[in-house]
């Protein structure tokens, strides 16, 4: 990377984190600590768990007690076991977060939640309602549009000046695609990734700031009410809102909360994998200049480089499940009712399952052997769309720019659920 001092600073942080991780008793581990994610110092904590205690119990945290699965094979097994490990909101949903004190049982009813927080058969019916937009023919139609938009975005970038790659490229590309998928007002597209960031960012201590954030989120969601009203009854519509508004599994009936929760899911899912993997891929290439040179010389390597970007970034750090009965992993018993975090970010660096897992390799032999999209019935619905967007934007970048230099420290999203970026200063050499 261009800034040597920045590299030294990152190296010093990594060394301090490793010393701390190996000096801390396992029973005191708090791998979910936001500081690990905002400083990119999570790696030695998970490394130690994989090696010494891969099925780990955290007895006390701000989220209550929970189990951590940190090895790839355990994560695959747990993610595929939807009969014994539930993602339903009734049992707590997909995150470790505790519900607000004002929440009621009705707020977590399966009648109201999005399909990612449901078990079969409700999950299957709702997921099926929106799947047509991610079909092979639909993606083939979208690709020329993605390419033309990526080209227009890249052609506007300044040469020889420092700019924020997250703002100018990653957010702009994904907000345009989200607006298209929803048929959302194009001029207001930027509120969509903003909603995702506000939802996922950790709590703030200032009550006034928290209230302002919630008010803005409600305002953004409110924009989807007239869109739902306009498209209800139009069964020929092919956008996500039309698909949601005209299917009994997703239309919300007399309670629009189900519709809103599916909108929230699709905003987050449609934004974050692509957005943060575009940025994470550029950062990784700058940190591994030999791999960047390899890709410049042979852009066809994007076929393997794109899934490697996603594996390396692991934009979704974990998913939570709740045991419906006693379940054994690694010789330990997870009791009925206990919650389990499947740490994808750790499984993707598991050298017992993935060869040279701690190396970034753009021509990796088996690049799609990773946990970033999940497994089983909840495997990411938009996986192929995300990969296509990444491939197209990188093809267009490599055509135009021999090099995009990272020239400062990234600002990371304040979240331990989505591993992403708020800013990345870069420069395209003249």
Protein backbone atom coordinates (compact mmCIF):
# COMPACT_ATOMS: atom_id res chain seq x y z
CA UNK A 1 0.00 0.00 0.00
CA UNK A 2 1.18 3.50 -0.72
CA UNK A 3 1.26 4.77 2.88
CA UNK A 4 4.09 2.96 4.68
CA UNK A 5 3.18 4.45 8.06
CA UNK A 6 -0.33 3.11 7.70
CA UNK A 7 1.02 -0.37 7.02
CA UNK A 8 3.24 -0.16 10.10
CA UNK A 9 0.27 0.99 12.20
CA UNK A 10 -1.86 -1.92 11.01
CA UNK A 11 1.01 -4.32 11.70
CA UNK A 12 1.44 -2.95 15.23
CA UNK A 13 -2.30 -3.39 15.89
CA UNK A 14 -2.19 -6.95 14.60
CA UNK A 15 0.77 -7.85 16.81
CA UNK A 16 -0.84 -6.30 19.88
CA UNK A 17 -4.11 -8.13 19.17
CA UNK A 18 -2.30 -11.46 18.79
CA UNK A 19 -0.48 -10.98 22.10
CA UNK A 20 -3.75 -10.10 23.84
CA UNK A 21 -5.71 -12.98 22.27
CA UNK A 22 -3.14 -15.55 23.36
CA UNK A 23 -2.83 -14.06 26.86
CA UNK A 24 -6.58 -13.96 27.53
CA UNK A 25 -8.11 -17.04 29.21
CA UNK A 26 -10.53 -18.80 26.86
CA UNK A 27 -13.38 -18.40 29.32
CA UNK A 28 -12.99 -14.62 29.05
CA UNK A 29 -13.14 -14.48 25.24
CA UNK A 30 -15.60 -11.96 23.76
CA UNK A 31 -15.09 -12.62 20.06
CA UNK A 32 -18.09 -10.46 19.18
CA UNK A 33 -16.39 -7.32 20.56
CA UNK A 34 -17.05 -4.49 18.09
CA UNK A 35 -13.49 -3.23 18.53
CA UNK A 36 -12.17 -6.45 16.95
CA UNK A 37 -14.15 -5.67 13.80
CA UNK A 38 -13.62 -1.93 13.53
CA UNK A 39 -9.84 -2.36 13.99
CA UNK A 40 -9.59 -5.57 11.90
CA UNK A 41 -7.99 -7.41 14.82
CA UNK A 42 -10.49 -10.28 15.04
CA UNK A 43 -8.24 -12.85 13.37
CA UNK A 44 -6.06 -14.14 16.26
CA UNK A 45 -9.11 -14.52 18.51
CA UNK A 46 -10.79 -16.82 16.02
CA UNK A 47 -7.52 -18.56 15.18
CA UNK A 48 -7.07 -19.53 18.82
CA UNK A 49 -10.65 -20.80 19.10
CA UNK A 50 -10.29 -22.91 15.96
CA UNK A 51 -7.11 -24.47 17.34
CA UNK A 52 -7.99 -24.83 21.02
CA UNK A 53 -11.76 -24.63 21.51
CA UNK A 54 -13.63 -24.74 18.17
CA UNK A 55 -17.03 -25.15 19.85
CA UNK A 56 -16.78 -22.39 22.42
CA UNK A 57 -19.20 -21.23 25.10
CA UNK A 58 -19.39 -17.57 26.08
CA UNK A 59 -21.12 -17.60 29.44
CA UNK A 60 -21.58 -13.86 29.84
CA UNK A 61 -21.85 -11.04 27.29
CA UNK A 62 -24.05 -8.07 26.46
CA UNK A 63 -25.96 -10.53 24.23
CA UNK A 64 -26.33 -13.11 26.98
CA UNK A 65 -24.70 -16.55 26.82
CA UNK A 66 -24.04 -18.12 23.41
CA UNK A 67 -22.01 -20.81 21.62
CA UNK A 68 -19.52 -20.13 18.83
CA UNK A 69 -18.83 -22.52 15.96
CA UNK A 70 -15.53 -21.51 14.37
CA UNK A 71 -14.51 -24.41 12.11
CA UNK A 72 -15.73 -24.76 8.56
CA UNK A 73 -17.09 -28.32 8.85
CA UNK A 74 -19.12 -27.54 11.99
CA UNK A 75 -20.54 -24.42 10.35
CA UNK A 76 -21.58 -26.38 7.25
CA UNK A 77 -23.23 -29.05 9.41
CA UNK A 78 -25.05 -26.54 11.61
CA UNK A 79 -26.24 -24.35 8.75
CA UNK A 80 -27.74 -27.37 7.02
CA UNK A 81 -29.50 -28.67 10.15
CA UNK A 82 -32.64 -26.55 10.08
CA UNK A 83 -34.64 -29.30 11.83
CA UNK A 84 -32.68 -28.99 15.09
CA UNK A 85 -31.24 -25.47 14.78
CA UNK A 86 -33.85 -22.79 14.13
CA UNK A 87 -33.52 -19.38 12.52
CA UNK A 88 -37.10 -18.46 13.42
CA UNK A 89 -37.79 -15.10 15.01
CA UNK A 90 -39.95 -16.97 17.52
CA UNK A 91 -36.74 -18.45 18.93
CA UNK A 92 -34.62 -15.32 18.58
CA UNK A 93 -33.88 -14.99 14.86
CA UNK A 94 -30.52 -14.76 13.10
CA UNK A 95 -28.52 -12.32 15.25
CA UNK A 96 -27.15 -12.44 18.77
CA UNK A 97 -28.77 -9.12 19.68
CA UNK A 98 -31.21 -9.14 22.57
CA UNK A 99 -34.69 -7.77 21.79
CA UNK A 100 -35.54 -4.25 22.98
CA UNK A 101 -37.38 -4.00 26.29
CA UNK A 102 -40.43 -2.64 24.52
CA UNK A 103 -40.75 -5.67 22.22
CA UNK A 104 -43.75 -7.97 22.50
CA UNK A 105 -44.29 -11.56 21.41
CA UNK A 106 -46.28 -10.28 18.42
CA UNK A 107 -43.17 -8.51 17.09
CA UNK A 108 -41.45 -11.88 16.67
CA UNK A 109 -44.36 -13.83 15.25
CA UNK A 110 -43.52 -15.76 12.08
CA UNK A 111 -46.54 -14.04 10.52
CA UNK A 112 -44.60 -10.76 10.60
CA UNK A 113 -40.94 -11.58 9.96
CA UNK A 114 -38.87 -11.91 6.79
CA UNK A 115 -38.11 -15.31 5.35
CA UNK A 116 -34.51 -15.39 6.61
CA UNK A 117 -35.97 -15.45 10.15
CA UNK A 118 -38.32 -18.32 9.46
CA UNK A 119 -38.19 -22.10 9.32
CA UNK A 120 -39.91 -24.28 6.69
CA UNK A 121 -42.56 -24.28 5.37
CA UNK A 122 -43.15 -20.53 5.82
CA UNK A 123 -39.55 -19.78 4.83
CA UNK A 124 -39.83 -21.76 1.60
CA UNK A 125 -43.05 -20.06 0.47
CA UNK A 126 -41.72 -16.53 1.03
CA UNK A 127 -38.31 -17.20 -0.51
CA UNK A 128 -40.00 -18.70 -3.57
CA UNK A 129 -42.06 -15.52 -4.01
CA UNK A 130 -38.99 -13.36 -4.80
CA UNK A 131 -36.78 -15.97 -6.46
CA UNK A 132 -37.82 -15.17 -10.08
CA UNK A 133 -35.76 -11.95 -10.06
CA UNK A 134 -32.63 -14.01 -9.36
CA UNK A 135 -33.24 -16.61 -12.09
CA UNK A 136 -30.78 -17.25 -14.91
CA UNK A 137 -32.88 -15.42 -17.57
CA UNK A 138 -33.40 -12.42 -15.25
CA UNK A 139 -29.66 -12.18 -14.50
CA UNK A 140 -28.85 -12.40 -18.21
CA UNK A 141 -31.10 -9.39 -18.79
CA UNK A 142 -29.48 -7.44 -15.96
CA UNK A 143 -25.85 -7.94 -16.99
CA UNK A 144 -25.74 -5.35 -19.83
CA UNK A 145 -27.37 -2.78 -17.54
CA UNK A 146 -24.86 -3.48 -14.75
CA UNK A 147 -22.00 -3.15 -17.23
CA UNK A 148 -23.19 0.15 -18.68
CA UNK A 149 -23.74 1.62 -15.24
CA UNK A 150 -20.37 0.41 -13.97
CA UNK A 151 -18.69 1.95 -17.01
CA UNK A 152 -20.44 5.29 -16.44
CA UNK A 153 -19.47 5.33 -12.75
CA UNK A 154 -15.83 4.50 -13.49
CA UNK A 155 -15.55 7.03 -16.31
CA UNK A 156 -16.44 9.80 -13.85
CA UNK A 157 -13.68 8.98 -11.37
CA UNK A 158 -10.96 11.62 -10.89
CA UNK A 159 -7.41 10.78 -11.98
CA UNK A 160 -4.49 11.73 -9.75
CA UNK A 161 -6.74 12.85 -6.89
CA UNK A 162 -7.63 11.12 -3.63
CA UNK A 163 -11.28 10.08 -3.37
CA UNK A 164 -13.44 7.71 -1.32
CA UNK A 165 -13.82 4.43 -3.19
CA UNK A 166 -16.75 3.36 -0.98
CA UNK A 167 -18.75 6.46 -1.85
CA UNK A 168 -17.81 6.89 -5.51
CA UNK A 169 -17.86 3.23 -6.60
CA UNK A 170 -19.15 0.65 -4.13
CA UNK A 171 -22.19 2.53 -2.81
CA UNK A 172 -23.03 4.09 -6.16
CA UNK A 173 -22.99 0.78 -8.02
CA UNK A 174 -25.01 -1.15 -5.45
CA UNK A 175 -27.52 1.65 -4.81
CA UNK A 176 -28.25 1.82 -8.54
CA UNK A 177 -28.76 -1.95 -8.66
CA UNK A 178 -31.03 -1.92 -5.59
CA UNK A 179 -33.13 0.87 -7.10
CA UNK A 180 -33.51 -1.24 -10.25
CA UNK A 181 -34.45 -4.43 -8.37
CA UNK A 182 -37.10 -2.58 -6.34
CA UNK A 183 -38.05 -0.19 -9.17
CA UNK A 184 -37.44 2.44 -6.49
CA UNK A 185 -37.18 6.16 -7.36
CA UNK A 186 -33.72 6.35 -8.88
CA UNK A 187 -32.90 9.83 -7.63
CA UNK A 188 -33.44 8.63 -4.04
CA UNK A 189 -31.39 5.43 -4.39
CA UNK A 190 -28.73 6.42 -1.87
CA UNK A 191 -31.13 6.14 1.05
CA UNK A 192 -31.14 2.35 0.58
CA UNK A 193 -27.52 1.57 1.56
CA UNK A 194 -27.77 4.33 4.16
CA UNK A 195 -30.68 2.47 5.75
CA UNK A 196 -28.60 -0.71 5.82
CA UNK A 197 -25.67 1.03 7.52
CA UNK A 198 -27.88 2.63 10.17
CA UNK A 199 -29.59 -0.68 10.89
CA UNK A 200 -26.33 -2.59 11.26
CA UNK A 201 -24.22 -0.03 13.09
CA UNK A 202 -23.80 -0.64 16.80
CA UNK A 203 -25.83 1.33 19.36
CA UNK A 204 -24.87 4.90 20.18
CA UNK A 205 -24.75 6.26 23.71
CA UNK A 206 -26.45 9.56 22.91
CA UNK A 207 -30.27 9.02 23.14
CA UNK A 208 -30.94 11.99 20.86
CA UNK A 209 -28.66 10.57 18.17
CA UNK A 210 -30.31 7.16 18.51
CA UNK A 211 -33.78 8.71 18.16
CA UNK A 212 -32.66 10.66 15.08
CA UNK A 213 -31.32 7.47 13.53
CA UNK A 214 -34.58 5.61 14.18
CA UNK A 215 -36.63 8.49 12.80
CA UNK A 216 -34.60 8.51 9.58
CA UNK A 217 -34.97 4.75 9.21
CA UNK A 218 -38.76 5.00 9.61
CA UNK A 219 -38.81 7.80 7.05
CA UNK A 220 -36.94 5.63 4.53
CA UNK A 221 -39.22 2.65 5.14
CA UNK A 222 -42.21 4.95 4.71
CA UNK A 223 -41.20 5.46 1.08
CA UNK A 224 -42.16 1.85 0.43
CA UNK A 225 -45.79 2.33 1.47
CA UNK A 226 -47.01 4.19 -1.67
CA UNK A 227 -44.93 1.84 -3.82
CA UNK A 228 -46.74 -1.13 -2.26
CA UNK A 229 -50.12 0.55 -2.71
CA UNK A 230 -49.39 1.37 -6.36
CA UNK A 231 -48.28 -2.15 -7.25
CA UNK A 232 -50.77 -4.24 -5.30
CA UNK A 233 -52.91 -6.03 -7.82
CA UNK A 234 -50.36 -5.74 -10.62
CA UNK A 235 -49.38 -9.36 -11.00
CA UNK A 236 -47.33 -8.68 -14.12
CA UNK A 237 -44.74 -6.58 -12.28
CA UNK A 238 -41.27 -8.16 -12.16
CA UNK A 239 -39.62 -5.91 -9.57
CA UNK A 240 -39.18 -7.02 -5.96
CA UNK A 241 -41.93 -4.77 -4.61
CA UNK A 242 -44.46 -6.15 -7.10
CA UNK A 243 -43.42 -9.71 -6.26
CA UNK A 244 -43.78 -9.03 -2.53
CA UNK A 245 -47.07 -7.10 -2.84
CA UNK A 246 -48.85 -9.71 -4.94
CA UNK A 247 -48.00 -13.00 -3.26
CA UNK A 248 -50.06 -14.16 -0.26
CA UNK A 249 -46.88 -15.46 1.38
CA UNK A 250 -45.27 -12.01 1.43
CA UNK A 251 -47.92 -9.31 0.95
CA UNK A 252 -48.52 -8.85 4.68
CA UNK A 253 -52.28 -9.12 4.46
CA UNK A 254 -53.77 -6.93 7.18
CA UNK A 255 -50.38 -6.54 8.87
CA UNK A 256 -47.83 -4.80 6.60
CA UNK A 257 -44.97 -5.62 9.01
CA UNK A 258 -44.19 -8.79 7.05
CA UNK A 259 -43.79 -6.71 3.89
CA UNK A 260 -41.56 -4.20 5.68
CA UNK A 261 -39.39 -6.94 7.19
CA UNK A 262 -38.87 -8.52 3.78
CA UNK A 263 -38.00 -5.10 2.37
CA UNK A 264 -35.41 -4.65 5.15
CA UNK A 265 -33.93 -8.08 4.44
CA UNK A 266 -33.65 -7.37 0.72
CA UNK A 267 -32.12 -3.92 1.25
CA UNK A 268 -29.39 -5.36 3.48
CA UNK A 269 -28.80 -8.52 1.45
CA UNK A 270 -28.91 -6.66 -1.86
CA UNK A 271 -26.42 -4.07 -0.72
CA UNK A 272 -23.86 -5.51 1.59
CA UNK A 273 -22.28 -8.58 -0.03
CA UNK A 274 -21.49 -6.76 -3.25
CA UNK A 275 -20.66 -3.37 -1.76
CA UNK A 276 -18.24 -4.59 0.89
CA UNK A 277 -16.66 -7.26 -1.30
CA UNK A 278 -15.88 -4.70 -4.03
CA UNK A 279 -14.10 -2.57 -1.45
CA UNK A 280 -12.55 -5.52 0.36
CA UNK A 281 -11.24 -6.91 -2.92
CA UNK A 282 -9.48 -3.65 -3.77
CA UNK A 283 -7.97 -3.43 -0.28
CA UNK A 284 -6.78 -7.06 -0.47
CA UNK A 285 -5.14 -6.51 -3.86
CA UNK A 286 -3.27 -3.50 -2.49
CA UNK A 287 -2.16 -5.53 0.51
CA UNK A 288 -1.01 -8.35 -1.82
CA UNK A 289 0.60 -6.55 -4.79
CA UNK A 290 1.84 -9.77 -6.42
CA UNK A 291 -1.77 -10.97 -6.68
CA UNK A 292 -2.82 -7.59 -8.10
CA UNK A 293 -0.09 -7.89 -10.76
CA UNK A 294 -1.22 -11.43 -11.55
CA UNK A 295 -4.79 -10.22 -12.09
CA UNK A 296 -3.70 -7.25 -14.22
CA UNK A 297 -1.75 -9.57 -16.49
CA UNK A 298 -4.62 -12.03 -16.82
CA UNK A 299 -8.10 -10.53 -16.21
CA UNK A 300 -9.60 -13.95 -17.01
CA UNK A 301 -8.55 -14.86 -13.47
CA UNK A 302 -11.59 -12.91 -12.28
CA UNK A 303 -13.45 -16.20 -12.54
CA UNK A 304 -11.61 -17.35 -9.43
CA UNK A 305 -10.69 -13.94 -8.02
CA UNK A 306 -14.30 -12.85 -7.45
CA UNK A 307 -15.21 -15.71 -5.07
CA UNK A 308 -11.80 -15.19 -3.44
CA UNK A 309 -12.71 -11.53 -2.80
CA UNK A 310 -15.92 -12.72 -1.13
CA UNK A 311 -14.21 -15.44 0.94
CA UNK A 312 -11.47 -13.07 2.06
CA UNK A 313 -13.91 -10.29 2.99
CA UNK A 314 -16.62 -12.53 4.51
CA UNK A 315 -19.16 -9.67 4.43
CA UNK A 316 -21.60 -11.53 6.70
CA UNK A 317 -19.55 -12.31 9.80
CA UNK A 318 -21.96 -14.80 11.35
CA UNK A 319 -25.48 -16.15 11.49
CA UNK A 320 -27.21 -17.23 14.67
CA UNK A 321 -29.36 -20.30 15.27
CA UNK A 322 -31.25 -21.56 18.34
CA UNK A 323 -31.23 -25.23 19.36
CA UNK A 324 -34.67 -26.85 19.28
CA UNK A 325 -33.25 -29.91 21.06
CA UNK A 326 -29.91 -30.96 22.51
CA UNK A 327 -27.31 -31.03 19.72
CA UNK A 328 -23.70 -32.23 19.88
CA UNK A 329 -20.80 -30.57 18.09
CA UNK A 330 -17.16 -31.40 18.66
CA UNK A 331 -17.92 -33.49 21.72
CA UNK A 332 -19.88 -30.68 23.41
CA UNK A 333 -23.63 -30.55 23.97
CA UNK A 334 -25.56 -27.45 23.02
CA UNK A 335 -28.74 -27.59 25.09
CA UNK A 336 -32.26 -26.93 23.85
CA UNK A 337 -32.95 -23.18 23.80
CA UNK A 338 -29.30 -22.11 23.67
CA UNK A 339 -28.12 -19.84 20.86
CA UNK A 340 -25.32 -20.61 18.44
CA UNK A 341 -23.24 -18.22 16.33
CA UNK A 342 -21.89 -19.78 13.14
CA UNK A 343 -18.87 -17.57 12.49
CA UNK A 344 -18.52 -17.58 8.70
CA UNK A 345 -15.62 -15.15 9.03
CA UNK A 346 -13.71 -17.81 10.98
CA UNK A 347 -14.73 -20.78 8.84
CA UNK A 348 -13.37 -18.97 5.79
CA UNK A 349 -9.89 -18.92 7.38
CA UNK A 350 -9.98 -22.54 8.58
CA UNK A 351 -6.84 -24.25 7.28
CA UNK A 352 -8.12 -27.68 8.32
CA UNK A 353 -10.75 -27.37 5.58
CA UNK A 354 -9.48 -24.75 3.09
CA UNK A 355 -5.96 -25.08 1.72
CA UNK A 356 -3.80 -22.02 2.52
CA UNK A 357 -6.89 -20.37 4.01
CA UNK A 358 -4.91 -17.46 5.46
CA UNK A 359 -3.48 -16.51 2.09
CA UNK A 360 -5.20 -14.30 -0.50
CA UNK A 361 -4.86 -16.11 -3.85
CA UNK A 362 -6.61 -14.79 -6.97
CA UNK A 363 -6.07 -18.03 -8.90
CA UNK A 364 -7.16 -20.33 -6.06
CA UNK A 365 -7.91 -23.85 -7.32
CA UNK A 366 -11.23 -24.22 -5.44
CA UNK A 367 -12.35 -20.62 -4.91
CA UNK A 368 -15.99 -21.38 -4.15
CA UNK A 369 -15.17 -23.53 -1.15
CA UNK A 370 -16.13 -20.91 1.40
CA UNK A 371 -18.86 -20.15 3.92
CA UNK A 372 -19.65 -16.56 2.96
CA UNK A 373 -23.03 -17.34 1.38
CA UNK A 374 -24.12 -19.85 4.02
CA UNK A 375 -25.44 -23.36 3.41
CA UNK A 376 -28.72 -25.26 3.28
CA UNK A 377 -32.12 -23.66 2.85
CA UNK A 378 -30.84 -20.22 3.86
CA UNK A 379 -27.99 -20.09 1.35
CA UNK A 380 -27.86 -16.56 -0.08
CA UNK A 381 -30.57 -16.11 -2.71
CA UNK A 382 -28.61 -13.38 -4.49
CA UNK A 383 -25.29 -15.23 -4.67
CA UNK A 384 -25.09 -15.30 -8.45
CA UNK A 385 -26.18 -11.65 -8.77
CA UNK A 386 -23.49 -10.59 -6.29
CA UNK A 387 -20.79 -12.53 -8.13
CA UNK A 388 -21.94 -11.16 -11.48
CA UNK A 389 -21.84 -7.55 -10.25
CA UNK A 390 -18.35 -8.03 -8.82
CA UNK A 391 -17.07 -9.67 -11.99
CA UNK A 392 -18.51 -6.97 -14.26
CA UNK A 393 -17.22 -4.02 -12.22
CA UNK A 394 -13.76 -5.55 -11.94
CA UNK A 395 -13.65 -6.28 -15.66
CA UNK A 396 -14.45 -2.64 -16.32
CA UNK A 397 -11.93 -1.38 -13.74
CA UNK A 398 -9.10 -3.51 -15.12
CA UNK A 399 -9.84 -2.21 -18.63
CA UNK A 400 -9.47 1.39 -17.50
CA UNK A 401 -7.01 1.53 -14.65
CA UNK A 402 -3.74 -0.39 -14.38
CA UNK A 403 -3.75 0.46 -10.70
CA UNK A 404 -6.02 1.91 -8.02
CA UNK A 405 -3.89 2.72 -4.98
CA UNK A 406 -5.20 2.62 -1.42
CA UNK A 407 -3.67 5.70 0.21
CA UNK A 408 -5.10 5.67 3.73
CA UNK A 409 -6.63 3.58 6.47
CA UNK A 410 -10.11 2.17 5.77
CA UNK A 411 -12.94 3.18 8.09
CA UNK A 412 -14.82 0.00 8.91
CA UNK A 413 -18.52 -0.38 9.58
CA UNK A 414 -19.29 -0.43 13.31
CA UNK A 415 -20.86 -3.87 13.21
CA UNK A 416 -19.96 -7.43 14.16
CA UNK A 417 -22.72 -8.84 11.97
CA UNK A 418 -21.81 -7.32 8.61
CA UNK A 419 -18.10 -6.88 8.04
CA UNK A 420 -17.83 -3.84 5.84
CA UNK A 421 -16.48 -0.36 5.13
CA UNK A 422 -17.65 3.20 5.50
CA UNK A 423 -14.65 4.79 3.72
CA UNK A 424 -11.56 3.77 1.75
CA UNK A 425 -9.31 6.59 0.45
CA UNK A 426 -7.76 5.74 -2.93
CA UNK A 427 -6.02 7.39 -5.86
CA UNK A 428 -5.79 6.45 -9.53
CA UNK A 429 -2.27 7.38 -10.70
CA UNK A 430 -2.13 9.82 -13.58
